[in-house]
Structure formats: structure tokens, C-alpha cells
Amino acid sequence: MTSEMKAEKISPRLLRTKQAAVYLGLSVRTIRNLAQQGQLPYVSEGNGSPWRFDLKDLERYIETHKIS
């Protein structure tokens, strides 16, 4: 197996805002609002770079908002 083939099987851990919205079933606007309110952590390189959302944080958001 070549390194290129291995790279294809790796899933990204950081998702863009739209991807995070789809993952959580929320709108992009809601994701941005949650991030700005400090309710959803995000990664940014600064200088206007796009926000990235860690899958682990998205999973944590789901777990903390479950109602049983």
C-alpha cells in the first residue's frame, strides 16, 4: 500500500463550518453563533482563515445536549 493510498483512508479530524453544521444537523449560522458565544470551540489560524471544528468537540456538544 502506497502512502498516497493510506492518506486517502484518513478522515479529517477538523471540519470546516459547513461540514460541522451538516455533522450536527444545524445551520451554518447556528454553528457560528455557538462558536462566538463560546459554546462550541473552534480552531483558527487567524488572519481571517476559516474556522475549523474538532470532531471531538462536536461529539462532546452532542453528548452534553442530549435529553434523556
PDB file of N, CA and C in Angstrom:
ATOM      1  N   MET A   1       0.849  -1.175   0.000  1.00  0.00           N
ATOM      2  CA  MET A   1       0.000   0.000   0.000  1.00  0.00           C
ATOM      3  C   MET A   1       0.894   1.238   0.000  1.00  0.00           C
ATOM      4  N   THR A   2       0.648   2.131  -0.922  1.00  0.00           N
ATOM      5  CA  THR A   2       1.453   3.341  -1.020  1.00  0.00           C
ATOM      6  C   THR A   2       1.003   4.361   0.015  1.00  0.00           C
ATOM      7  N   SER A   3       1.852   5.339   0.278  1.00  0.00           N
ATOM      8  CA  SER A   3       1.486   6.380   1.239  1.00  0.00           C
ATOM      9  C   SER A   3       0.299   7.191   0.737  1.00  0.00           C
ATOM     10  N   GLU A   4       0.156   7.305  -0.578  1.00  0.00           N
ATOM     11  CA  GLU A   4      -0.984   8.020  -1.139  1.00  0.00           C
ATOM     12  C   GLU A   4      -2.282   7.282  -0.828  1.00  0.00           C
ATOM     13  N   MET A   5      -2.253   5.962  -0.918  1.00  0.00           N
ATOM     14  CA  MET A   5      -3.438   5.162  -0.614  1.00  0.00           C
ATOM     15  C   MET A   5      -3.777   5.254   0.869  1.00  0.00           C
ATOM     16  N   LYS A   6      -2.774   5.269   1.732  1.00  0.00           N
ATOM     17  CA  LYS A   6      -3.010   5.408   3.166  1.00  0.00           C
ATOM     18  C   LYS A   6      -3.642   6.749   3.468  1.00  0.00           C
ATOM     19  N   ALA A   7      -3.181   7.806   2.821  1.00  0.00           N
ATOM     20  CA  ALA A   7      -3.696   9.144   3.063  1.00  0.00           C
ATOM     21  C   ALA A   7      -5.172   9.243   2.702  1.00  0.00           C
ATOM     22  N   GLU A   8      -5.594   8.503   1.699  1.00  0.00           N
ATOM     23  CA  GLU A   8      -6.987   8.541   1.287  1.00  0.00           C
ATOM     24  C   GLU A   8      -7.909   7.955   2.349  1.00  0.00           C
ATOM     25  N   LYS A   9      -7.430   7.071   3.183  1.00  0.00           N
ATOM     26  CA  LYS A   9      -8.246   6.417   4.195  1.00  0.00           C
ATOM     27  C   LYS A   9      -8.322   7.210   5.492  1.00  0.00           C
ATOM     28  N   ILE A  10      -7.542   8.237   5.625  1.00  0.00           N
ATOM     29  CA  ILE A  10      -7.546   9.044   6.843  1.00  0.00           C
ATOM     30  C   ILE A  10      -8.677  10.057   6.762  1.00  0.00           C
ATOM     31  N   SER A  11      -9.537  10.042   7.769  1.00  0.00           N
ATOM     32  CA  SER A  11     -10.614  11.020   7.832  1.00  0.00           C
ATOM     33  C   SER A  11     -10.107  12.269   8.534  1.00  0.00           C
ATOM     34  N   PRO A  12     -10.511  13.434   8.069  1.00  0.00           N
ATOM     35  CA  PRO A  12     -10.056  14.651   8.727  1.00  0.00           C
ATOM     36  C   PRO A  12     -10.674  14.782  10.117  1.00  0.00           C
ATOM     37  N   ARG A  13      -9.890  15.260  11.055  1.00  0.00           N
ATOM     38  CA  ARG A  13     -10.397  15.484  12.406  1.00  0.00           C
ATOM     39  C   ARG A  13     -11.020  16.862  12.519  1.00  0.00           C
ATOM     40  N   LEU A  14     -10.527  17.806  11.730  1.00  0.00           N
ATOM     41  CA  LEU A  14     -11.051  19.166  11.756  1.00  0.00           C
ATOM     42  C   LEU A  14     -11.969  19.384  10.560  1.00  0.00           C
ATOM     43  N   LEU A  15     -13.148  19.901  10.845  1.00  0.00           N
ATOM     44  CA  LEU A  15     -14.132  20.157   9.798  1.00  0.00           C
ATOM     45  C   LEU A  15     -14.344  21.652   9.633  1.00  0.00           C
ATOM     46  N   ARG A  16     -14.620  22.069   8.414  1.00  0.00           N
ATOM     47  CA  ARG A  16     -14.983  23.460   8.151  1.00  0.00           C
ATOM     48  C   ARG A  16     -16.374  23.719   8.721  1.00  0.00           C
ATOM     49  N   THR A  17     -16.747  24.983   8.786  1.00  0.00           N
ATOM     50  CA  THR A  17     -18.021  25.369   9.387  1.00  0.00           C
ATOM     51  C   THR A  17     -19.199  24.648   8.740  1.00  0.00           C
ATOM     52  N   LYS A  18     -19.256  24.615   7.428  1.00  0.00           N
ATOM     53  CA  LYS A  18     -20.380  23.961   6.737  1.00  0.00           C
ATOM     54  C   LYS A  18     -20.408  22.470   7.036  1.00  0.00           C
ATOM     55  N   GLN A  19     -19.240  21.844   7.067  1.00  0.00           N
ATOM     56  CA  GLN A  19     -19.176  20.413   7.374  1.00  0.00           C
ATOM     57  C   GLN A  19     -19.646  20.149   8.803  1.00  0.00           C
ATOM     58  N   ALA A  20     -19.232  21.012   9.731  1.00  0.00           N
ATOM     59  CA  ALA A  20     -19.649  20.868  11.127  1.00  0.00           C
ATOM     60  C   ALA A  20     -21.159  21.042  11.250  1.00  0.00           C
ATOM     61  N   ALA A  21     -21.712  21.972  10.499  1.00  0.00           N
ATOM     62  CA  ALA A  21     -23.155  22.193  10.513  1.00  0.00           C
ATOM     63  C   ALA A  21     -23.896  20.949  10.029  1.00  0.00           C
ATOM     64  N   VAL A  22     -23.427  20.367   8.953  1.00  0.00           N
ATOM     65  CA  VAL A  22     -24.045  19.148   8.429  1.00  0.00           C
ATOM     66  C   VAL A  22     -23.917  18.020   9.454  1.00  0.00           C
ATOM     67  N   TYR A  23     -22.757  17.886  10.043  1.00  0.00           N
ATOM     68  CA  TYR A  23     -22.493  16.830  11.022  1.00  0.00           C
ATOM     69  C   TYR A  23     -23.466  16.919  12.202  1.00  0.00           C
ATOM     70  N   LEU A  24     -23.703  18.159  12.681  1.00  0.00           N
ATOM     71  CA  LEU A  24     -24.587  18.355  13.833  1.00  0.00           C
ATOM     72  C   LEU A  24     -26.054  18.527  13.444  1.00  0.00           C
ATOM     73  N   GLY A  25     -26.327  18.690  12.156  1.00  0.00           N
ATOM     74  CA  GLY A  25     -27.704  18.913  11.728  1.00  0.00           C
ATOM     75  C   GLY A  25     -28.205  20.296  12.072  1.00  0.00           C
ATOM     76  N   LEU A  26     -27.286  21.256  12.102  1.00  0.00           N
ATOM     77  CA  LEU A  26     -27.614  22.643  12.413  1.00  0.00           C
ATOM     78  C   LEU A  26     -27.266  23.529  11.226  1.00  0.00           C
ATOM     79  N   SER A  27     -27.708  24.765  11.273  1.00  0.00           N
ATOM     80  CA  SER A  27     -27.357  25.696  10.199  1.00  0.00           C
ATOM     81  C   SER A  27     -25.947  26.241  10.424  1.00  0.00           C
ATOM     82  N   VAL A  28     -25.362  26.739   9.361  1.00  0.00           N
ATOM     83  CA  VAL A  28     -24.041  27.367   9.451  1.00  0.00           C
ATOM     84  C   VAL A  28     -24.114  28.557  10.404  1.00  0.00           C
ATOM     85  N   ARG A  29     -25.185  29.305  10.323  1.00  0.00           N
ATOM     86  CA  ARG A  29     -25.359  30.471  11.201  1.00  0.00           C
ATOM     87  C   ARG A  29     -25.369  30.053  12.675  1.00  0.00           C
ATOM     88  N   THR A  30     -26.062  28.967  12.981  1.00  0.00           N
ATOM     89  CA  THR A  30     -26.108  28.479  14.365  1.00  0.00           C
ATOM     90  C   THR A  30     -24.725  28.049  14.833  1.00  0.00           C
ATOM     91  N   ILE A  31     -23.980  27.373  13.982  1.00  0.00           N
ATOM     92  CA  ILE A  31     -22.620  26.955  14.335  1.00  0.00           C
ATOM     93  C   ILE A  31     -21.767  28.183  14.648  1.00  0.00           C
ATOM     94  N   ARG A  32     -21.848  29.188  13.809  1.00  0.00           N
ATOM     95  CA  ARG A  32     -21.074  30.415  14.039  1.00  0.00           C
ATOM     96  C   ARG A  32     -21.491  31.094  15.339  1.00  0.00           C
ATOM     97  N   ASN A  33     -22.793  31.153  15.586  1.00  0.00           N
ATOM     98  CA  ASN A  33     -23.279  31.766  16.828  1.00  0.00           C
ATOM     99  C   ASN A  33     -22.784  31.007  18.051  1.00  0.00           C
ATOM    100  N   LEU A  34     -22.856  29.675  18.007  1.00  0.00           N
ATOM    101  CA  LEU A  34     -22.377  28.863  19.127  1.00  0.00           C
ATOM    102  C   LEU A  34     -20.888  29.102  19.374  1.00  0.00           C
ATOM    103  N   ALA A  35     -20.123  29.214  18.295  1.00  0.00           N
ATOM    104  CA  ALA A  35     -18.684  29.449  18.420  1.00  0.00           C
ATOM    105  C   ALA A  35     -18.421  30.837  19.008  1.00  0.00           C
ATOM    106  N   GLN A  36     -19.118  31.833  18.519  1.00  0.00           N
ATOM    107  CA  GLN A  36     -18.918  33.202  19.005  1.00  0.00           C
ATOM    108  C   GLN A  36     -19.334  33.359  20.464  1.00  0.00           C
ATOM    109  N   GLN A  37     -20.308  32.560  20.901  1.00  0.00           N
ATOM    110  CA  GLN A  37     -20.770  32.603  22.287  1.00  0.00           C
ATOM    111  C   GLN A  37     -19.914  31.741  23.213  1.00  0.00           C
ATOM    112  N   GLY A  38     -18.916  31.055  22.651  1.00  0.00           N
ATOM    113  CA  GLY A  38     -18.033  30.222  23.449  1.00  0.00           C
ATOM    114  C   GLY A  38     -18.621  28.861  23.795  1.00  0.00           C
ATOM    115  N   GLN A  39     -19.708  28.482  23.149  1.00  0.00           N
ATOM    116  CA  GLN A  39     -20.350  27.204  23.434  1.00  0.00           C
ATOM    117  C   GLN A  39     -19.800  26.061  22.587  1.00  0.00           C
ATOM    118  N   LEU A  40     -19.078  26.404  21.527  1.00  0.00           N
ATOM    119  CA  LEU A  40     -18.507  25.399  20.641  1.00  0.00           C
ATOM    120  C   LEU A  40     -17.089  25.838  20.276  1.00  0.00           C
ATOM    121  N   PRO A  41     -16.081  25.130  20.785  1.00  0.00           N
ATOM    122  CA  PRO A  41     -14.695  25.517  20.489  1.00  0.00           C
ATOM    123  C   PRO A  41     -14.381  25.387  18.999  1.00  0.00           C
ATOM    124  N   TYR A  42     -13.453  26.205  18.545  1.00  0.00           N
ATOM    125  CA  TYR A  42     -13.014  26.125  17.151  1.00  0.00           C
ATOM    126  C   TYR A  42     -11.536  26.430  17.060  1.00  0.00           C
ATOM    127  N   VAL A  43     -10.955  26.067  15.939  1.00  0.00           N
ATOM    128  CA  VAL A  43      -9.537  26.290  15.667  1.00  0.00           C
ATOM    129  C   VAL A  43      -9.453  27.331  14.562  1.00  0.00           C
ATOM    130  N   SER A  44      -8.591  28.321  14.749  1.00  0.00           N
ATOM    131  CA  SER A  44      -8.399  29.337  13.716  1.00  0.00           C
ATOM    132  C   SER A  44      -6.926  29.687  13.636  1.00  0.00           C
ATOM    133  N   GLU A  45      -6.437  29.824  12.440  1.00  0.00           N
ATOM    134  CA  GLU A  45      -5.055  30.238  12.227  1.00  0.00           C
ATOM    135  C   GLU A  45      -4.924  31.755  12.318  1.00  0.00           C
ATOM    136  N   GLY A  46      -6.033  32.444  12.466  1.00  0.00           N
ATOM    137  CA  GLY A  46      -6.028  33.900  12.499  1.00  0.00           C
ATOM    138  C   GLY A  46      -6.020  34.477  11.097  1.00  0.00           C
ATOM    139  N   ASN A  47      -5.886  35.762  10.991  1.00  0.00           N
ATOM    140  CA  ASN A  47      -5.817  36.450   9.700  1.00  0.00           C
ATOM    141  C   ASN A  47      -6.979  36.099   8.779  1.00  0.00           C
ATOM    142  N   GLY A  48      -8.169  35.932   9.338  1.00  0.00           N
ATOM    143  CA  GLY A  48      -9.344  35.651   8.526  1.00  0.00           C
ATOM    144  C   GLY A  48      -9.426  34.245   7.971  1.00  0.00           C
ATOM    145  N   SER A  49      -8.606  33.347   8.489  1.00  0.00           N
ATOM    146  CA  SER A  49      -8.655  31.964   7.992  1.00  0.00           C
ATOM    147  C   SER A  49      -9.973  31.329   8.415  1.00  0.00           C
ATOM    148  N   PRO A  50     -10.442  30.339   7.668  1.00  0.00           N
ATOM    149  CA  PRO A  50     -11.710  29.698   8.027  1.00  0.00           C
ATOM    150  C   PRO A  50     -11.606  28.971   9.367  1.00  0.00           C
ATOM    151  N   TRP A  51     -12.712  28.952  10.071  1.00  0.00           N
ATOM    152  CA  TRP A  51     -12.756  28.224  11.331  1.00  0.00           C
ATOM    153  C   TRP A  51     -12.788  26.735  11.036  1.00  0.00           C
ATOM    154  N   ARG A  52     -12.193  25.965  11.940  1.00  0.00           N
ATOM    155  CA  ARG A  52     -12.226  24.506  11.869  1.00  0.00           C
ATOM    156  C   ARG A  52     -12.786  24.001  13.200  1.00  0.00           C
ATOM    157  N   PHE A  53     -13.572  22.962  13.120  1.00  0.00           N
ATOM    158  CA  PHE A  53     -14.197  22.395  14.309  1.00  0.00           C
ATOM    159  C   PHE A  53     -13.726  20.964  14.489  1.00  0.00           C
ATOM    160  N   ASP A  54     -13.246  20.684  15.691  1.00  0.00           N
ATOM    161  CA  ASP A  54     -12.712  19.369  16.032  1.00  0.00           C
ATOM    162  C   ASP A  54     -13.869  18.382  16.225  1.00  0.00           C
ATOM    163  N   LEU A  55     -13.758  17.232  15.594  1.00  0.00           N
ATOM    164  CA  LEU A  55     -14.794  16.207  15.737  1.00  0.00           C
ATOM    165  C   LEU A  55     -15.047  15.840  17.192  1.00  0.00           C
ATOM    166  N   LYS A  56     -13.998  15.836  17.994  1.00  0.00           N
ATOM    167  CA  LYS A  56     -14.163  15.507  19.414  1.00  0.00           C
ATOM    168  C   LYS A  56     -15.043  16.537  20.116  1.00  0.00           C
ATOM    169  N   ASP A  57     -14.873  17.812  19.754  1.00  0.00           N
ATOM    170  CA  ASP A  57     -15.711  18.860  20.342  1.00  0.00           C
ATOM    171  C   ASP A  57     -17.154  18.759  19.856  1.00  0.00           C
ATOM    172  N   LEU A  58     -17.340  18.361  18.604  1.00  0.00           N
ATOM    173  CA  LEU A  58     -18.691  18.180  18.077  1.00  0.00           C
ATOM    174  C   LEU A  58     -19.378  17.020  18.790  1.00  0.00           C
ATOM    175  N   GLU A  59     -18.636  15.941  19.026  1.00  0.00           N
ATOM    176  CA  GLU A  59     -19.185  14.806  19.768  1.00  0.00           C
ATOM    177  C   GLU A  59     -19.539  15.215  21.201  1.00  0.00           C
ATOM    178  N   ARG A  60     -18.672  15.987  21.822  1.00  0.00           N
ATOM    179  CA  ARG A  60     -18.924  16.465  23.188  1.00  0.00           C
ATOM    180  C   ARG A  60     -20.177  17.336  23.227  1.00  0.00           C
ATOM    181  N   TYR A  61     -20.343  18.181  22.212  1.00  0.00           N
ATOM    182  CA  TYR A  61     -21.539  19.034  22.126  1.00  0.00           C
ATOM    183  C   TYR A  61     -22.795  18.161  22.076  1.00  0.00           C
ATOM    184  N   ILE A  62     -22.738  17.125  21.263  1.00  0.00           N
ATOM    185  CA  ILE A  62     -23.879  16.214  21.159  1.00  0.00           C
ATOM    186  C   ILE A  62     -24.180  15.573  22.518  1.00  0.00           C
ATOM    187  N   GLU A  63     -23.139  15.059  23.161  1.00  0.00           N
ATOM    188  CA  GLU A  63     -23.332  14.367  24.433  1.00  0.00           C
ATOM    189  C   GLU A  63     -23.874  15.297  25.519  1.00  0.00           C
ATOM    190  N   THR A  64     -23.428  16.532  25.552  1.00  0.00           N
ATOM    191  CA  THR A  64     -23.880  17.459  26.604  1.00  0.00           C
ATOM    192  C   THR A  64     -25.273  18.029  26.339  1.00  0.00           C
ATOM    193  N   HIS A  65     -25.777  17.856  25.133  1.00  0.00           N
ATOM    194  CA  HIS A  65     -27.094  18.389  24.806  1.00  0.00           C
ATOM    195  C   HIS A  65     -28.157  17.305  24.632  1.00  0.00           C
ATOM    196  N   LYS A  66     -27.815  16.087  25.006  1.00  0.00           N
ATOM    197  CA  LYS A  66     -28.796  15.007  24.948  1.00  0.00           C
ATOM    198  C   LYS A  66     -29.778  15.158  26.092  1.00  0.00           C
ATOM    199  N   ILE A  67     -31.013  14.840  25.797  1.00  0.00           N
ATOM    200  CA  ILE A  67     -32.051  14.838  26.823  1.00  0.00           C
ATOM    201  C   ILE A  67     -32.569  13.414  26.923  1.00  0.00           C
ATOM    202  N   SER A  68     -32.547  12.895  28.144  1.00  0.00           N
ATOM    203  CA  SER A  68     -32.997  11.508  28.295  1.00  0.00           C
ATOM    204  C   SER A  68     -34.357  11.422  28.931  1.00  0.00           C
TER     205      SER A  68
END
